[in-house]
Amino acid sequence: MGMYKERKRARVPVISVGIVCDSILSLSSQHPELGKMKVSMVLSLIGYLVVPSDTAVLGRCVVAKKLHDGGLSDFEGYSLENWVCLAYFESKFNPMAVYENSRSDFIGYGLFQIRNHDWCDHGRNRCHMSCSALLNPDLNKTIECAKTIVKGKRGMGAWPSWTLNCQHSDTLARWLDGCKL
């Protein structure tokens, strides 16, 4: 499996990290065993809490609204719930997600993780756009390309994650719960 790569690195406030590290060092000098355990716990916690400051993860209802406004509701017979489900399982609603799959030698871009070999840039470029155009929170190019993909013979089956997680789900309605469209 590959990993998601953010386009920009996290910016960590130096002062707060410095204060935390000073506190840890103080603890470890007073209680060596307790200090070592706390050091590893705090460093792990910092690693989980540090989030890129410019991450563009969208809320579920924001995604639903943008996809609805972009004309994906019942497009080619697929409900809006299917599209929101797909967006979650492909990118966790991150329109800036880039996934490198070294085993299958492709890169997925954006909200729907559209593959570079078939749909954008130097591959077959069936969407007639650059892959970087798919990394935009306004989702216009992403929706345009998704429409091209779903018009193909496989429909939404072009995304294995839709087939596995959304196609036969009896809980699709939950993807729009509470959303005002």
N, C-alpha and C. Protein backbone atom coordinates (compact mmCIF):
# COMPACT_ATOMS: atom_id res chain seq x y z
N MET A 1 0.83 -1.19 0.00
CA MET A 1 0.00 0.00 0.00
C MET A 1 0.87 1.24 0.00
N GLY A 2 0.38 2.29 -0.61
CA GLY A 2 1.08 3.56 -0.61
C GLY A 2 0.62 4.40 0.57
N MET A 3 1.06 5.63 0.56
CA MET A 3 0.68 6.54 1.63
C MET A 3 0.18 7.83 1.01
N TYR A 4 -0.71 8.49 1.71
CA TYR A 4 -1.15 9.80 1.27
C TYR A 4 0.00 10.77 1.50
N LYS A 5 0.19 11.66 0.58
CA LYS A 5 1.19 12.69 0.75
C LYS A 5 0.49 14.03 0.70
N GLU A 6 0.76 14.84 1.68
CA GLU A 6 0.22 16.19 1.67
C GLU A 6 1.15 17.04 0.82
N ARG A 7 0.59 18.02 0.17
CA ARG A 7 1.37 18.86 -0.71
C ARG A 7 2.31 19.77 0.06
N LYS A 8 1.97 20.15 1.27
CA LYS A 8 2.84 21.01 2.08
C LYS A 8 3.03 20.37 3.43
N ARG A 9 4.16 20.63 4.03
CA ARG A 9 4.46 20.06 5.33
C ARG A 9 3.81 20.87 6.45
N ALA A 10 3.64 20.21 7.57
CA ALA A 10 3.05 20.86 8.73
C ALA A 10 3.97 21.94 9.26
N ARG A 11 3.39 22.98 9.76
CA ARG A 11 4.14 24.02 10.44
C ARG A 11 3.86 23.87 11.92
N VAL A 12 4.90 23.54 12.68
CA VAL A 12 4.74 23.31 14.10
C VAL A 12 5.26 24.53 14.84
N PRO A 13 4.46 25.11 15.73
CA PRO A 13 4.96 26.24 16.50
C PRO A 13 6.16 25.81 17.33
N VAL A 14 7.32 26.43 17.10
CA VAL A 14 8.57 26.03 17.74
C VAL A 14 8.51 26.23 19.23
N ILE A 15 7.89 27.31 19.68
CA ILE A 15 7.85 27.61 21.11
C ILE A 15 7.10 26.53 21.87
N SER A 16 5.92 26.14 21.39
CA SER A 16 5.14 25.15 22.14
C SER A 16 5.83 23.79 22.16
N VAL A 17 6.45 23.39 21.04
CA VAL A 17 7.18 22.13 21.02
C VAL A 17 8.39 22.22 21.95
N GLY A 18 9.05 23.37 21.96
CA GLY A 18 10.20 23.57 22.84
C GLY A 18 9.81 23.47 24.29
N ILE A 19 8.68 24.08 24.67
CA ILE A 19 8.21 24.03 26.05
C ILE A 19 7.89 22.59 26.45
N VAL A 20 7.23 21.86 25.57
CA VAL A 20 6.91 20.47 25.85
C VAL A 20 8.20 19.66 26.03
N CYS A 21 9.17 19.86 25.15
CA CYS A 21 10.43 19.11 25.25
C CYS A 21 11.18 19.45 26.53
N ASP A 22 11.21 20.75 26.92
CA ASP A 22 11.85 21.14 28.17
C ASP A 22 11.19 20.46 29.36
N SER A 23 9.86 20.41 29.35
CA SER A 23 9.13 19.76 30.45
C SER A 23 9.46 18.28 30.52
N ILE A 24 9.56 17.65 29.37
CA ILE A 24 9.87 16.22 29.33
C ILE A 24 11.27 15.97 29.86
N LEU A 25 12.21 16.79 29.43
CA LEU A 25 13.60 16.62 29.90
C LEU A 25 13.69 16.83 31.41
N SER A 26 12.94 17.79 31.93
CA SER A 26 12.93 18.03 33.36
C SER A 26 12.40 16.80 34.10
N LEU A 27 11.31 16.24 33.62
CA LEU A 27 10.73 15.04 34.22
C LEU A 27 11.69 13.86 34.17
N SER A 28 12.34 13.69 33.02
CA SER A 28 13.21 12.52 32.87
C SER A 28 14.44 12.61 33.76
N SER A 29 14.90 13.83 34.07
CA SER A 29 16.07 13.93 34.96
C SER A 29 15.68 13.63 36.40
N GLN A 30 14.44 13.92 36.78
CA GLN A 30 13.98 13.68 38.14
C GLN A 30 13.58 12.21 38.35
N HIS A 31 12.95 11.60 37.37
CA HIS A 31 12.46 10.23 37.44
C HIS A 31 12.81 9.53 36.12
N PRO A 32 14.01 8.93 36.02
CA PRO A 32 14.47 8.39 34.73
C PRO A 32 13.50 7.41 34.07
N GLU A 33 12.96 6.45 34.80
CA GLU A 33 12.06 5.46 34.18
C GLU A 33 10.74 6.08 33.76
N LEU A 34 10.16 6.88 34.66
CA LEU A 34 8.90 7.55 34.35
C LEU A 34 9.11 8.54 33.20
N GLY A 35 10.24 9.21 33.23
CA GLY A 35 10.55 10.19 32.19
C GLY A 35 10.63 9.56 30.81
N LYS A 36 11.28 8.38 30.70
CA LYS A 36 11.40 7.71 29.40
C LYS A 36 10.03 7.32 28.86
N MET A 37 9.18 6.81 29.75
CA MET A 37 7.85 6.40 29.33
C MET A 37 7.04 7.62 28.87
N LYS A 38 7.13 8.70 29.62
CA LYS A 38 6.39 9.90 29.28
C LYS A 38 6.93 10.53 28.00
N VAL A 39 8.24 10.46 27.82
CA VAL A 39 8.83 11.03 26.60
C VAL A 39 8.24 10.34 25.38
N SER A 40 8.21 9.01 25.38
CA SER A 40 7.69 8.30 24.21
C SER A 40 6.19 8.56 24.02
N MET A 41 5.45 8.65 25.12
CA MET A 41 4.01 8.91 25.01
C MET A 41 3.76 10.32 24.46
N VAL A 42 4.47 11.30 24.97
CA VAL A 42 4.25 12.68 24.54
C VAL A 42 4.67 12.86 23.10
N LEU A 43 5.80 12.28 22.72
CA LEU A 43 6.24 12.40 21.33
C LEU A 43 5.25 11.73 20.38
N SER A 44 4.70 10.59 20.80
CA SER A 44 3.68 9.94 19.98
C SER A 44 2.45 10.82 19.85
N LEU A 45 2.04 11.42 20.96
CA LEU A 45 0.88 12.30 20.96
C LEU A 45 1.11 13.50 20.05
N ILE A 46 2.28 14.09 20.12
CA ILE A 46 2.60 15.23 19.26
C ILE A 46 2.51 14.81 17.80
N GLY A 47 3.01 13.63 17.49
CA GLY A 47 2.94 13.13 16.12
C GLY A 47 1.52 12.99 15.61
N TYR A 48 0.61 12.60 16.48
CA TYR A 48 -0.80 12.46 16.08
C TYR A 48 -1.51 13.81 15.99
N LEU A 49 -1.10 14.75 16.83
CA LEU A 49 -1.78 16.02 16.87
C LEU A 49 -1.31 17.02 15.82
N VAL A 50 -0.09 16.86 15.35
CA VAL A 50 0.43 17.79 14.36
C VAL A 50 -0.25 17.49 13.03
N VAL A 51 -1.01 18.46 12.58
CA VAL A 51 -1.76 18.33 11.34
C VAL A 51 -1.32 19.47 10.43
N PRO A 52 -1.13 19.20 9.17
CA PRO A 52 -0.73 20.29 8.28
C PRO A 52 -1.72 21.47 8.41
N SER A 53 -1.17 22.67 8.51
CA SER A 53 -2.02 23.83 8.76
C SER A 53 -2.89 24.19 7.57
N ASP A 54 -2.57 23.71 6.39
CA ASP A 54 -3.34 24.07 5.22
C ASP A 54 -4.10 22.88 4.63
N THR A 55 -4.34 21.88 5.44
CA THR A 55 -5.08 20.73 4.97
C THR A 55 -6.49 21.15 4.60
N ALA A 56 -6.97 20.63 3.49
CA ALA A 56 -8.26 21.07 2.97
C ALA A 56 -9.32 19.99 3.12
N VAL A 57 -9.29 19.23 4.20
CA VAL A 57 -10.30 18.20 4.38
C VAL A 57 -11.65 18.88 4.54
N LEU A 58 -12.61 18.42 3.77
CA LEU A 58 -13.94 19.02 3.76
C LEU A 58 -14.88 18.20 4.64
N GLY A 59 -15.89 18.83 5.15
CA GLY A 59 -16.91 18.12 5.91
C GLY A 59 -17.81 17.31 4.98
N ARG A 60 -18.43 16.30 5.51
CA ARG A 60 -19.30 15.42 4.73
C ARG A 60 -20.40 16.20 4.02
N CYS A 61 -21.07 17.09 4.72
CA CYS A 61 -22.16 17.84 4.11
C CYS A 61 -21.66 18.87 3.10
N VAL A 62 -20.47 19.40 3.32
CA VAL A 62 -19.86 20.31 2.33
C VAL A 62 -19.59 19.54 1.04
N VAL A 63 -19.04 18.35 1.18
CA VAL A 63 -18.80 17.50 0.00
C VAL A 63 -20.13 17.20 -0.70
N ALA A 64 -21.13 16.81 0.07
CA ALA A 64 -22.44 16.49 -0.52
C ALA A 64 -23.00 17.68 -1.29
N LYS A 65 -22.91 18.86 -0.73
CA LYS A 65 -23.43 20.07 -1.38
C LYS A 65 -22.68 20.36 -2.67
N LYS A 66 -21.36 20.28 -2.62
CA LYS A 66 -20.55 20.57 -3.82
C LYS A 66 -20.83 19.55 -4.93
N LEU A 67 -20.97 18.29 -4.56
CA LEU A 67 -21.25 17.25 -5.55
C LEU A 67 -22.66 17.43 -6.12
N HIS A 68 -23.60 17.78 -5.25
CA HIS A 68 -24.98 18.04 -5.70
C HIS A 68 -25.00 19.23 -6.66
N ASP A 69 -24.36 20.33 -6.26
CA ASP A 69 -24.32 21.52 -7.10
C ASP A 69 -23.59 21.27 -8.41
N GLY A 70 -22.66 20.32 -8.41
CA GLY A 70 -21.92 19.97 -9.61
C GLY A 70 -22.66 19.00 -10.53
N GLY A 71 -23.85 18.60 -10.14
CA GLY A 71 -24.68 17.76 -11.00
C GLY A 71 -24.47 16.27 -10.85
N LEU A 72 -23.90 15.82 -9.73
CA LEU A 72 -23.67 14.38 -9.57
C LEU A 72 -24.86 13.64 -8.95
N SER A 73 -25.84 14.36 -8.43
CA SER A 73 -27.00 13.70 -7.85
C SER A 73 -27.77 12.97 -8.95
N ASP A 74 -27.82 11.66 -8.86
CA ASP A 74 -28.47 10.77 -9.84
C ASP A 74 -27.83 10.83 -11.23
N PHE A 75 -26.59 11.28 -11.30
CA PHE A 75 -25.87 11.29 -12.58
C PHE A 75 -25.61 9.85 -13.02
N GLU A 76 -25.99 9.54 -14.22
CA GLU A 76 -25.86 8.19 -14.78
C GLU A 76 -26.52 7.13 -13.89
N GLY A 77 -27.53 7.56 -13.12
CA GLY A 77 -28.28 6.62 -12.29
C GLY A 77 -27.70 6.37 -10.91
N TYR A 78 -26.64 7.08 -10.54
CA TYR A 78 -26.02 6.88 -9.23
C TYR A 78 -26.45 8.00 -8.29
N SER A 79 -26.96 7.62 -7.14
CA SER A 79 -27.45 8.60 -6.17
C SER A 79 -26.29 9.42 -5.60
N LEU A 80 -26.64 10.57 -5.06
CA LEU A 80 -25.65 11.42 -4.41
C LEU A 80 -24.99 10.68 -3.25
N GLU A 81 -25.75 9.84 -2.57
CA GLU A 81 -25.20 9.06 -1.46
C GLU A 81 -24.03 8.19 -1.92
N ASN A 82 -24.14 7.62 -3.11
CA ASN A 82 -23.05 6.81 -3.66
C ASN A 82 -21.79 7.65 -3.86
N TRP A 83 -21.97 8.86 -4.37
CA TRP A 83 -20.81 9.73 -4.61
C TRP A 83 -20.14 10.15 -3.31
N VAL A 84 -20.93 10.48 -2.30
CA VAL A 84 -20.37 10.89 -1.01
C VAL A 84 -19.65 9.71 -0.36
N CYS A 85 -20.25 8.54 -0.44
CA CYS A 85 -19.62 7.32 0.08
C CYS A 85 -18.28 7.09 -0.62
N LEU A 86 -18.26 7.20 -1.93
CA LEU A 86 -17.03 7.03 -2.69
C LEU A 86 -15.96 8.03 -2.25
N ALA A 87 -16.35 9.29 -2.10
CA ALA A 87 -15.39 10.33 -1.69
C ALA A 87 -14.77 10.00 -0.33
N TYR A 88 -15.59 9.48 0.57
CA TYR A 88 -15.06 9.12 1.89
C TYR A 88 -14.04 7.99 1.77
N PHE A 89 -14.39 6.93 1.07
CA PHE A 89 -13.49 5.78 1.02
C PHE A 89 -12.28 6.00 0.13
N GLU A 90 -12.34 6.94 -0.77
CA GLU A 90 -11.17 7.24 -1.60
C GLU A 90 -10.20 8.20 -0.92
N SER A 91 -10.71 9.25 -0.28
CA SER A 91 -9.81 10.28 0.23
C SER A 91 -10.13 10.78 1.63
N LYS A 92 -11.14 10.22 2.27
CA LYS A 92 -11.60 10.73 3.57
C LYS A 92 -11.96 12.21 3.45
N PHE A 93 -12.54 12.58 2.31
CA PHE A 93 -13.02 13.94 2.01
C PHE A 93 -11.89 14.96 1.88
N ASN A 94 -10.71 14.51 1.51
CA ASN A 94 -9.57 15.41 1.32
C ASN A 94 -9.36 15.64 -0.18
N PRO A 95 -9.75 16.79 -0.70
CA PRO A 95 -9.60 17.05 -2.14
C PRO A 95 -8.15 17.26 -2.56
N MET A 96 -7.25 17.36 -1.59
CA MET A 96 -5.83 17.55 -1.89
C MET A 96 -5.02 16.25 -1.75
N ALA A 97 -5.69 15.14 -1.53
CA ALA A 97 -5.00 13.87 -1.30
C ALA A 97 -4.30 13.39 -2.57
N VAL A 98 -3.09 12.90 -2.38
CA VAL A 98 -2.32 12.29 -3.46
C VAL A 98 -1.84 10.94 -2.92
N TYR A 99 -2.16 9.88 -3.63
CA TYR A 99 -1.83 8.52 -3.19
C TYR A 99 -0.95 7.86 -4.23
N GLU A 100 0.23 7.46 -3.82
CA GLU A 100 1.13 6.76 -4.73
C GLU A 100 1.04 5.27 -4.46
N ASN A 101 0.62 4.51 -5.46
CA ASN A 101 0.54 3.06 -5.34
C ASN A 101 1.70 2.48 -6.12
N SER A 102 2.75 2.11 -5.41
CA SER A 102 3.95 1.61 -6.07
C SER A 102 3.76 0.21 -6.64
N ARG A 103 2.88 -0.59 -6.05
CA ARG A 103 2.65 -1.94 -6.58
C ARG A 103 1.98 -1.91 -7.94
N SER A 104 0.99 -1.07 -8.09
CA SER A 104 0.26 -0.99 -9.36
C SER A 104 0.77 0.15 -10.23
N ASP A 105 1.75 0.89 -9.75
CA ASP A 105 2.41 1.95 -10.50
C ASP A 105 1.42 3.00 -11.02
N PHE A 106 0.66 3.59 -10.10
CA PHE A 106 -0.19 4.71 -10.47
C PHE A 106 -0.22 5.69 -9.30
N ILE A 107 -0.69 6.87 -9.60
CA ILE A 107 -0.89 7.89 -8.57
C ILE A 107 -2.35 8.32 -8.65
N GLY A 108 -3.03 8.36 -7.50
CA GLY A 108 -4.41 8.82 -7.43
C GLY A 108 -4.44 10.27 -6.96
N TYR A 109 -5.34 11.05 -7.53
CA TYR A 109 -5.40 12.48 -7.22
C TYR A 109 -6.78 12.91 -6.75
N GLY A 110 -6.80 13.70 -5.69
CA GLY A 110 -7.99 14.40 -5.28
C GLY A 110 -9.03 13.60 -4.54
N LEU A 111 -10.22 14.18 -4.48
CA LEU A 111 -11.33 13.63 -3.71
C LEU A 111 -11.68 12.20 -4.09
N PHE A 112 -11.65 11.90 -5.39
CA PHE A 112 -12.00 10.56 -5.87
C PHE A 112 -10.78 9.72 -6.25
N GLN A 113 -9.59 10.21 -5.93
CA GLN A 113 -8.34 9.50 -6.23
C GLN A 113 -8.31 9.02 -7.69
N ILE A 114 -8.45 9.95 -8.58
CA ILE A 114 -8.47 9.68 -10.02
C ILE A 114 -7.07 9.35 -10.47
N ARG A 115 -6.95 8.23 -11.17
CA ARG A 115 -5.64 7.69 -11.54
C ARG A 115 -5.01 8.43 -12.73
N ASN A 116 -3.72 8.68 -12.58
CA ASN A 116 -3.01 9.44 -13.60
C ASN A 116 -2.85 8.70 -14.92
N HIS A 117 -2.69 7.39 -14.93
CA HIS A 117 -2.43 6.67 -16.18
C HIS A 117 -3.58 6.75 -17.18
N ASP A 118 -4.79 6.76 -16.67
CA ASP A 118 -5.94 6.76 -17.57
C ASP A 118 -6.57 8.13 -17.77
N TRP A 119 -6.60 8.95 -16.74
CA TRP A 119 -7.50 10.09 -16.75
C TRP A 119 -6.86 11.46 -16.83
N CYS A 120 -5.61 11.61 -16.43
CA CYS A 120 -5.00 12.95 -16.44
C CYS A 120 -3.52 12.88 -16.78
N ASP A 121 -2.97 14.01 -17.12
CA ASP A 121 -1.55 14.20 -17.45
C ASP A 121 -1.06 13.34 -18.59
N HIS A 122 0.00 12.59 -18.33
CA HIS A 122 0.75 11.94 -19.42
C HIS A 122 0.22 10.58 -19.85
N GLY A 123 -0.74 10.05 -19.16
CA GLY A 123 -1.33 8.77 -19.56
C GLY A 123 -2.27 8.98 -20.74
N ARG A 124 -3.36 8.28 -20.72
CA ARG A 124 -4.34 8.42 -21.80
C ARG A 124 -5.04 9.78 -21.74
N ASN A 125 -5.04 10.39 -20.57
CA ASN A 125 -5.59 11.73 -20.36
C ASN A 125 -7.01 11.87 -20.91
N ARG A 126 -7.85 10.91 -20.55
CA ARG A 126 -9.24 10.90 -21.03
C ARG A 126 -10.07 12.07 -20.51
N CYS A 127 -9.63 12.69 -19.42
CA CYS A 127 -10.35 13.85 -18.90
C CYS A 127 -9.80 15.16 -19.47
N HIS A 128 -8.74 15.09 -20.23
CA HIS A 128 -8.14 16.26 -20.88
C HIS A 128 -7.80 17.36 -19.89
N MET A 129 -7.07 16.98 -18.84
CA MET A 129 -6.65 17.95 -17.83
C MET A 129 -5.40 17.46 -17.12
N SER A 130 -4.76 18.36 -16.43
CA SER A 130 -3.61 17.97 -15.62
C SER A 130 -4.11 17.35 -14.32
N CYS A 131 -3.33 16.46 -13.76
CA CYS A 131 -3.71 15.84 -12.49
C CYS A 131 -3.77 16.88 -11.38
N SER A 132 -2.92 17.88 -11.44
CA SER A 132 -2.93 18.91 -10.40
C SER A 132 -4.25 19.69 -10.38
N ALA A 133 -4.96 19.74 -11.50
CA ALA A 133 -6.27 20.41 -11.54
C ALA A 133 -7.28 19.69 -10.65
N LEU A 134 -7.02 18.42 -10.35
CA LEU A 134 -7.92 17.62 -9.52
C LEU A 134 -7.70 17.88 -8.03
N LEU A 135 -6.69 18.67 -7.70
CA LEU A 135 -6.35 18.95 -6.30
C LEU A 135 -6.86 20.33 -5.90
N ASN A 136 -8.14 20.53 -6.04
CA ASN A 136 -8.72 21.83 -5.77
C ASN A 136 -10.00 21.65 -4.96
N PRO A 137 -10.10 22.35 -3.82
CA PRO A 137 -11.30 22.20 -2.99
C PRO A 137 -12.60 22.66 -3.65
N ASP A 138 -12.53 23.40 -4.75
CA ASP A 138 -13.79 23.80 -5.39
C ASP A 138 -14.44 22.63 -6.13
N LEU A 139 -13.67 21.58 -6.43
CA LEU A 139 -14.12 20.30 -6.98
C LEU A 139 -14.66 20.36 -8.42
N ASN A 140 -14.60 21.50 -9.07
CA ASN A 140 -15.16 21.60 -10.42
C ASN A 140 -14.50 20.63 -11.40
N LYS A 141 -13.18 20.62 -11.47
CA LYS A 141 -12.48 19.72 -12.40
C LYS A 141 -12.65 18.26 -11.97
N THR A 142 -12.66 18.02 -10.67
CA THR A 142 -12.85 16.67 -10.16
C THR A 142 -14.21 16.12 -10.59
N ILE A 143 -15.24 16.93 -10.46
CA ILE A 143 -16.59 16.50 -10.85
C ILE A 143 -16.66 16.28 -12.36
N GLU A 144 -16.06 17.17 -13.12
CA GLU A 144 -16.03 17.02 -14.58
C GLU A 144 -15.38 15.70 -14.99
N CYS A 145 -14.25 15.38 -14.38
CA CYS A 145 -13.55 14.14 -14.70
C CYS A 145 -14.33 12.92 -14.20
N ALA A 146 -14.91 13.01 -13.01
CA ALA A 146 -15.70 11.89 -12.48
C ALA A 146 -16.88 11.56 -13.40
N LYS A 147 -17.48 12.58 -13.98
CA LYS A 147 -18.57 12.36 -14.92
C LYS A 147 -18.08 11.60 -16.15
N THR A 148 -16.90 11.94 -16.63
CA THR A 148 -16.31 11.24 -17.77
C THR A 148 -16.07 9.77 -17.42
N ILE A 149 -15.52 9.53 -16.23
CA ILE A 149 -15.20 8.17 -15.80
C ILE A 149 -16.47 7.32 -15.69
N VAL A 150 -17.49 7.86 -15.03
CA VAL A 150 -18.70 7.07 -14.76
C VAL A 150 -19.52 6.80 -16.02
N LYS A 151 -19.29 7.58 -17.06
CA LYS A 151 -19.98 7.33 -18.33
C LYS A 151 -19.41 6.10 -19.05
N GLY A 152 -18.27 5.61 -18.59
CA GLY A 152 -17.65 4.43 -19.19
C GLY A 152 -18.43 3.17 -18.88
N LYS A 153 -18.03 2.08 -19.51
CA LYS A 153 -18.77 0.82 -19.38
C LYS A 153 -18.81 0.27 -17.95
N ARG A 154 -17.84 0.63 -17.11
CA ARG A 154 -17.81 0.12 -15.73
C ARG A 154 -18.59 1.00 -14.76
N GLY A 155 -18.99 2.20 -15.19
CA GLY A 155 -19.70 3.09 -14.29
C GLY A 155 -18.88 3.37 -13.04
N MET A 156 -19.54 3.37 -11.89
CA MET A 156 -18.82 3.61 -10.64
C MET A 156 -17.96 2.40 -10.26
N GLY A 157 -18.16 1.30 -10.93
CA GLY A 157 -17.30 0.13 -10.72
C GLY A 157 -15.85 0.39 -11.12
N ALA A 158 -15.59 1.52 -11.77
CA ALA A 158 -14.22 1.91 -12.09
C ALA A 158 -13.42 2.16 -10.81
N TRP A 159 -14.12 2.40 -9.70
CA TRP A 159 -13.47 2.59 -8.40
C TRP A 159 -13.69 1.33 -7.56
N PRO A 160 -12.66 0.52 -7.34
CA PRO A 160 -12.81 -0.68 -6.51
C PRO A 160 -13.35 -0.39 -5.11
N SER A 161 -13.02 0.76 -4.55
CA SER A 161 -13.51 1.07 -3.20
C SER A 161 -15.02 1.28 -3.19
N TRP A 162 -15.59 1.76 -4.29
CA TRP A 162 -17.05 1.90 -4.37
C TRP A 162 -17.68 0.50 -4.38
N THR A 163 -17.11 -0.38 -5.19
CA THR A 163 -17.63 -1.75 -5.29
C THR A 163 -17.59 -2.44 -3.93
N LEU A 164 -16.50 -2.25 -3.19
CA LEU A 164 -16.33 -2.91 -1.89
C LEU A 164 -17.17 -2.28 -0.77
N ASN A 165 -17.30 -0.96 -0.77
CA ASN A 165 -17.87 -0.27 0.38
C ASN A 165 -19.23 0.37 0.17
N CYS A 166 -19.60 0.64 -1.05
CA CYS A 166 -20.81 1.43 -1.29
C CYS A 166 -21.86 0.72 -2.13
N GLN A 167 -21.44 -0.07 -3.09
CA GLN A 167 -22.35 -0.62 -4.09
C GLN A 167 -23.55 -1.34 -3.50
N HIS A 168 -23.32 -2.23 -2.57
CA HIS A 168 -24.42 -3.02 -2.01
C HIS A 168 -24.74 -2.64 -0.56
N SER A 169 -24.34 -1.43 -0.18
CA SER A 169 -24.57 -0.98 1.19
C SER A 169 -26.04 -0.67 1.41
N ASP A 170 -26.55 -1.11 2.55
CA ASP A 170 -27.94 -0.79 2.88
C ASP A 170 -28.00 0.42 3.82
N THR A 171 -26.86 1.09 4.01
CA THR A 171 -26.81 2.27 4.88
C THR A 171 -26.35 3.52 4.13
N LEU A 172 -26.56 3.57 2.83
CA LEU A 172 -26.11 4.73 2.05
C LEU A 172 -26.77 6.03 2.50
N ALA A 173 -27.98 5.98 2.98
CA ALA A 173 -28.70 7.19 3.38
C ALA A 173 -27.95 7.97 4.45
N ARG A 174 -27.16 7.28 5.25
CA ARG A 174 -26.43 7.95 6.33
C ARG A 174 -25.47 9.00 5.81
N TRP A 175 -25.02 8.88 4.56
CA TRP A 175 -24.05 9.83 4.02
C TRP A 175 -24.65 11.22 3.85
N LEU A 176 -25.95 11.33 3.83
CA LEU A 176 -26.60 12.64 3.68
C LEU A 176 -27.36 13.08 4.93
N ASP A 177 -27.29 12.26 6.00
CA ASP A 177 -28.00 12.59 7.25
C ASP A 177 -27.63 13.98 7.74
N GLY A 178 -28.64 14.82 7.93
CA GLY A 178 -28.43 16.15 8.48
C GLY A 178 -27.91 17.19 7.50
N CYS A 179 -27.67 16.82 6.27
CA CYS A 179 -27.15 17.76 5.29
C CYS A 179 -28.30 18.53 4.63
N LYS A 180 -28.12 19.82 4.51
CA LYS A 180 -29.11 20.66 3.83
C LYS A 180 -28.61 20.95 2.44
N LEU A 181 -29.28 20.37 1.46
CA LEU A 181 -28.81 20.52 0.09
C LEU A 181 -29.62 21.53 -0.69
